Amino acid sequence: AARISPLKDDKYKQVFGADLSTLKGKNVAAIFKNKFGLNALPTQFDDLMKTVIKNASAKYNAGGTDVNSILREAEELANQQIATALQGGK
C-alpha cells in the first residue's frame, strides 16, 4: 500500500508509488495537485447531531423507509434539538 508522506520535500512526491506495479503508467503527480481545505471546527451541537445521524443511518439500514423521508425526519429532529439546546435545555 502507498501512503503519502507528510514531509513537504518534492523528492518524496517524485518517488511516491515508484515500487508499485499498480501505479506504473499512471499520472501519480495528479495526487499532489489538489489543495485540501481545513476541517470544520467543532460546535456545541456536534454530539447531538452524531446521535441523530447514527439513528437515521440505522433506520435506513433496517429498510422499509425511503432515504428522503429519513433525511427529512432527521433534519426536523436535528432542528428541534438545536432549538432546545439554544433555549438552555438539553
N, C-alpha and C. Protein backbone atom coordinates (compact mmCIF):
# COMPACT_ATOMS: atom_id res chain seq x y z
N ALA A 1 0.84 -1.18 0.00
CA ALA A 1 0.00 0.00 0.00
C ALA A 1 0.88 1.24 0.00
N ALA A 2 0.45 2.25 -0.67
CA ALA A 2 1.19 3.51 -0.74
C ALA A 2 0.57 4.51 0.22
N ARG A 3 1.42 5.21 0.91
CA ARG A 3 0.96 6.27 1.81
C ARG A 3 1.70 7.55 1.45
N ILE A 4 0.96 8.63 1.39
CA ILE A 4 1.57 9.92 1.08
C ILE A 4 2.33 10.40 2.32
N SER A 5 3.55 10.81 2.10
CA SER A 5 4.39 11.29 3.20
C SER A 5 3.93 12.66 3.66
N PRO A 6 3.96 12.90 4.96
CA PRO A 6 3.63 14.24 5.45
C PRO A 6 4.79 15.23 5.24
N LEU A 7 5.94 14.71 4.83
CA LEU A 7 7.10 15.57 4.59
C LEU A 7 6.86 16.39 3.33
N LYS A 8 7.28 17.64 3.34
CA LYS A 8 6.95 18.58 2.27
C LYS A 8 7.94 18.57 1.10
N ASP A 9 9.10 17.96 1.25
CA ASP A 9 10.12 17.99 0.21
C ASP A 9 9.61 17.29 -1.06
N ASP A 10 9.84 17.91 -2.22
CA ASP A 10 9.36 17.37 -3.50
C ASP A 10 9.97 16.01 -3.85
N LYS A 11 11.12 15.68 -3.29
CA LYS A 11 11.73 14.39 -3.62
C LYS A 11 10.85 13.22 -3.17
N TYR A 12 10.08 13.41 -2.12
CA TYR A 12 9.18 12.35 -1.64
C TYR A 12 8.00 12.18 -2.58
N LYS A 13 7.56 13.29 -3.16
CA LYS A 13 6.46 13.23 -4.12
C LYS A 13 6.90 12.53 -5.41
N GLN A 14 8.12 12.73 -5.81
CA GLN A 14 8.62 12.17 -7.06
C GLN A 14 8.78 10.65 -6.98
N VAL A 15 9.07 10.12 -5.81
CA VAL A 15 9.27 8.67 -5.69
C VAL A 15 8.02 7.94 -5.18
N PHE A 16 6.95 8.69 -4.95
CA PHE A 16 5.72 8.08 -4.44
C PHE A 16 5.22 7.00 -5.39
N GLY A 17 5.03 5.80 -4.89
CA GLY A 17 4.48 4.69 -5.66
C GLY A 17 5.39 4.11 -6.71
N ALA A 18 6.67 4.48 -6.72
CA ALA A 18 7.60 4.00 -7.75
C ALA A 18 7.77 2.48 -7.71
N ASP A 19 7.60 1.88 -6.56
CA ASP A 19 7.78 0.44 -6.43
C ASP A 19 6.48 -0.36 -6.54
N LEU A 20 5.40 0.29 -6.89
CA LEU A 20 4.10 -0.39 -7.00
C LEU A 20 3.73 -0.59 -8.47
N SER A 21 3.53 -1.84 -8.85
CA SER A 21 3.19 -2.13 -10.25
C SER A 21 1.81 -1.58 -10.63
N THR A 22 0.92 -1.44 -9.66
CA THR A 22 -0.43 -0.93 -9.96
C THR A 22 -0.42 0.55 -10.33
N LEU A 23 0.66 1.26 -9.99
CA LEU A 23 0.75 2.68 -10.31
C LEU A 23 1.62 2.97 -11.52
N LYS A 24 2.19 1.93 -12.12
CA LYS A 24 3.03 2.11 -13.30
C LYS A 24 2.17 2.67 -14.43
N GLY A 25 2.67 3.71 -15.08
CA GLY A 25 1.97 4.32 -16.20
C GLY A 25 0.83 5.24 -15.80
N LYS A 26 0.62 5.44 -14.52
CA LYS A 26 -0.46 6.31 -14.03
C LYS A 26 0.09 7.72 -13.78
N ASN A 27 -0.80 8.68 -13.81
CA ASN A 27 -0.43 10.06 -13.53
C ASN A 27 -0.41 10.27 -12.02
N VAL A 28 0.62 9.77 -11.38
CA VAL A 28 0.73 9.82 -9.93
C VAL A 28 0.89 11.26 -9.44
N ALA A 29 1.47 12.13 -10.25
CA ALA A 29 1.66 13.53 -9.85
C ALA A 29 0.33 14.23 -9.60
N ALA A 30 -0.74 13.74 -10.20
CA ALA A 30 -2.05 14.37 -10.02
C ALA A 30 -2.53 14.30 -8.56
N ILE A 31 -2.04 13.33 -7.83
CA ILE A 31 -2.42 13.18 -6.42
C ILE A 31 -2.03 14.43 -5.63
N PHE A 32 -0.95 15.05 -6.02
CA PHE A 32 -0.40 16.18 -5.26
C PHE A 32 -0.87 17.54 -5.77
N LYS A 33 -1.75 17.58 -6.76
CA LYS A 33 -2.21 18.84 -7.34
C LYS A 33 -3.27 19.53 -6.48
N ASN A 34 -4.09 18.76 -5.79
CA ASN A 34 -5.19 19.33 -5.01
C ASN A 34 -4.70 19.94 -3.70
N LYS A 35 -5.33 21.01 -3.32
CA LYS A 35 -5.10 21.61 -2.00
C LYS A 35 -6.38 21.42 -1.21
N PHE A 36 -6.28 20.75 -0.11
CA PHE A 36 -7.44 20.42 0.69
C PHE A 36 -7.71 21.51 1.72
N GLY A 37 -8.97 21.77 1.95
CA GLY A 37 -9.37 22.77 2.93
C GLY A 37 -9.23 22.24 4.35
N LEU A 38 -9.39 23.13 5.28
CA LEU A 38 -9.33 22.76 6.69
C LEU A 38 -10.64 22.08 7.10
N ASN A 39 -10.55 21.23 8.08
CA ASN A 39 -11.74 20.60 8.63
C ASN A 39 -12.59 21.65 9.34
N ALA A 40 -13.88 21.42 9.36
CA ALA A 40 -14.78 22.33 10.06
C ALA A 40 -14.48 22.29 11.56
N LEU A 41 -14.61 23.43 12.18
CA LEU A 41 -14.40 23.50 13.62
C LEU A 41 -15.58 22.85 14.34
N PRO A 42 -15.32 22.15 15.43
CA PRO A 42 -16.42 21.54 16.18
C PRO A 42 -17.35 22.60 16.76
N THR A 43 -18.60 22.21 16.91
CA THR A 43 -19.58 23.11 17.51
C THR A 43 -20.18 22.45 18.75
N GLN A 44 -20.98 23.20 19.45
CA GLN A 44 -21.63 22.65 20.65
C GLN A 44 -22.71 21.64 20.29
N PHE A 45 -23.08 21.57 19.02
CA PHE A 45 -24.17 20.69 18.59
C PHE A 45 -23.68 19.37 17.98
N ASP A 46 -22.38 19.19 17.86
CA ASP A 46 -21.84 18.02 17.18
C ASP A 46 -22.31 16.70 17.80
N ASP A 47 -22.27 16.61 19.12
CA ASP A 47 -22.68 15.36 19.77
C ASP A 47 -24.17 15.07 19.53
N LEU A 48 -24.99 16.13 19.57
CA LEU A 48 -26.42 15.94 19.28
C LEU A 48 -26.61 15.40 17.86
N MET A 49 -25.89 15.99 16.92
CA MET A 49 -26.07 15.62 15.52
C MET A 49 -25.51 14.23 15.21
N LYS A 50 -24.45 13.84 15.89
CA LYS A 50 -23.90 12.49 15.69
C LYS A 50 -24.95 11.45 16.06
N THR A 51 -25.67 11.69 17.12
CA THR A 51 -26.72 10.76 17.55
C THR A 51 -27.85 10.74 16.52
N VAL A 52 -28.26 11.90 16.03
CA VAL A 52 -29.33 11.96 15.03
C VAL A 52 -28.91 11.22 13.77
N ILE A 53 -27.69 11.46 13.31
CA ILE A 53 -27.19 10.81 12.09
C ILE A 53 -27.06 9.31 12.28
N LYS A 54 -26.56 8.90 13.44
CA LYS A 54 -26.42 7.46 13.72
C LYS A 54 -27.78 6.77 13.70
N ASN A 55 -28.76 7.38 14.33
CA ASN A 55 -30.11 6.78 14.36
C ASN A 55 -30.75 6.76 12.98
N ALA A 56 -30.55 7.82 12.20
CA ALA A 56 -31.10 7.86 10.84
C ALA A 56 -30.44 6.80 9.97
N SER A 57 -29.16 6.62 10.13
CA SER A 57 -28.44 5.60 9.36
C SER A 57 -28.93 4.20 9.71
N ALA A 58 -29.13 3.96 10.99
CA ALA A 58 -29.63 2.65 11.43
C ALA A 58 -31.02 2.40 10.88
N LYS A 59 -31.86 3.43 10.87
CA LYS A 59 -33.22 3.29 10.35
C LYS A 59 -33.20 2.99 8.85
N TYR A 60 -32.31 3.66 8.13
CA TYR A 60 -32.19 3.41 6.69
C TYR A 60 -31.70 1.98 6.43
N ASN A 61 -30.71 1.55 7.19
CA ASN A 61 -30.15 0.20 7.00
C ASN A 61 -31.16 -0.88 7.35
N ALA A 62 -32.09 -0.58 8.24
CA ALA A 62 -33.12 -1.56 8.60
C ALA A 62 -34.13 -1.74 7.47
N GLY A 63 -34.20 -0.75 6.58
CA GLY A 63 -35.10 -0.84 5.43
C GLY A 63 -36.51 -0.41 5.76
N GLY A 64 -37.34 -0.36 4.73
CA GLY A 64 -38.74 -0.05 4.93
C GLY A 64 -39.10 1.42 4.76
N THR A 65 -38.11 2.31 4.84
CA THR A 65 -38.37 3.73 4.68
C THR A 65 -37.39 4.28 3.64
N ASP A 66 -37.90 5.15 2.77
CA ASP A 66 -37.01 5.69 1.73
C ASP A 66 -36.06 6.74 2.32
N VAL A 67 -34.96 6.94 1.65
CA VAL A 67 -33.90 7.80 2.16
C VAL A 67 -34.36 9.25 2.32
N ASN A 68 -35.20 9.74 1.42
CA ASN A 68 -35.66 11.13 1.52
C ASN A 68 -36.50 11.36 2.77
N SER A 69 -37.34 10.40 3.11
CA SER A 69 -38.14 10.52 4.34
C SER A 69 -37.25 10.49 5.57
N ILE A 70 -36.28 9.62 5.56
CA ILE A 70 -35.36 9.51 6.71
C ILE A 70 -34.58 10.81 6.88
N LEU A 71 -34.09 11.37 5.78
CA LEU A 71 -33.34 12.62 5.86
C LEU A 71 -34.22 13.78 6.34
N ARG A 72 -35.46 13.84 5.87
CA ARG A 72 -36.38 14.88 6.29
C ARG A 72 -36.64 14.77 7.78
N GLU A 73 -36.92 13.55 8.25
CA GLU A 73 -37.18 13.33 9.68
C GLU A 73 -35.95 13.68 10.52
N ALA A 74 -34.78 13.31 10.03
CA ALA A 74 -33.54 13.60 10.77
C ALA A 74 -33.30 15.10 10.85
N GLU A 75 -33.58 15.81 9.76
CA GLU A 75 -33.42 17.27 9.78
C GLU A 75 -34.38 17.91 10.76
N GLU A 76 -35.63 17.46 10.77
CA GLU A 76 -36.61 18.02 11.70
C GLU A 76 -36.19 17.78 13.14
N LEU A 77 -35.74 16.56 13.44
CA LEU A 77 -35.29 16.23 14.79
C LEU A 77 -34.06 17.06 15.17
N ALA A 78 -33.14 17.20 14.24
CA ALA A 78 -31.94 18.00 14.50
C ALA A 78 -32.30 19.44 14.80
N ASN A 79 -33.19 20.01 14.01
CA ASN A 79 -33.61 21.39 14.24
C ASN A 79 -34.28 21.56 15.59
N GLN A 80 -35.11 20.58 15.99
CA GLN A 80 -35.76 20.63 17.30
C GLN A 80 -34.74 20.58 18.43
N GLN A 81 -33.75 19.69 18.29
CA GLN A 81 -32.75 19.54 19.34
C GLN A 81 -31.85 20.78 19.44
N ILE A 82 -31.53 21.37 18.31
CA ILE A 82 -30.73 22.60 18.33
C ILE A 82 -31.51 23.72 18.99
N ALA A 83 -32.79 23.85 18.64
CA ALA A 83 -33.62 24.90 19.24
C ALA A 83 -33.72 24.71 20.75
N THR A 84 -33.89 23.48 21.19
CA THR A 84 -33.95 23.20 22.62
C THR A 84 -32.64 23.54 23.31
N ALA A 85 -31.53 23.18 22.69
CA ALA A 85 -30.22 23.46 23.27
C ALA A 85 -29.97 24.97 23.34
N LEU A 86 -30.42 25.70 22.33
CA LEU A 86 -30.24 27.16 22.33
C LEU A 86 -31.08 27.83 23.41
N GLN A 87 -32.19 27.20 23.79
CA GLN A 87 -33.04 27.77 24.83
C GLN A 87 -32.55 27.41 26.22
N GLY A 88 -31.46 26.65 26.27
CA GLY A 88 -30.86 26.33 27.56
C GLY A 88 -31.15 24.94 28.07
N GLY A 89 -32.02 24.18 27.42
CA GLY A 89 -32.31 22.82 27.85
C GLY A 89 -31.58 21.82 26.97
N LYS A 90 -31.54 20.60 27.43
CA LYS A 90 -30.92 19.55 26.62
C LYS A 90 -31.77 18.34 26.57
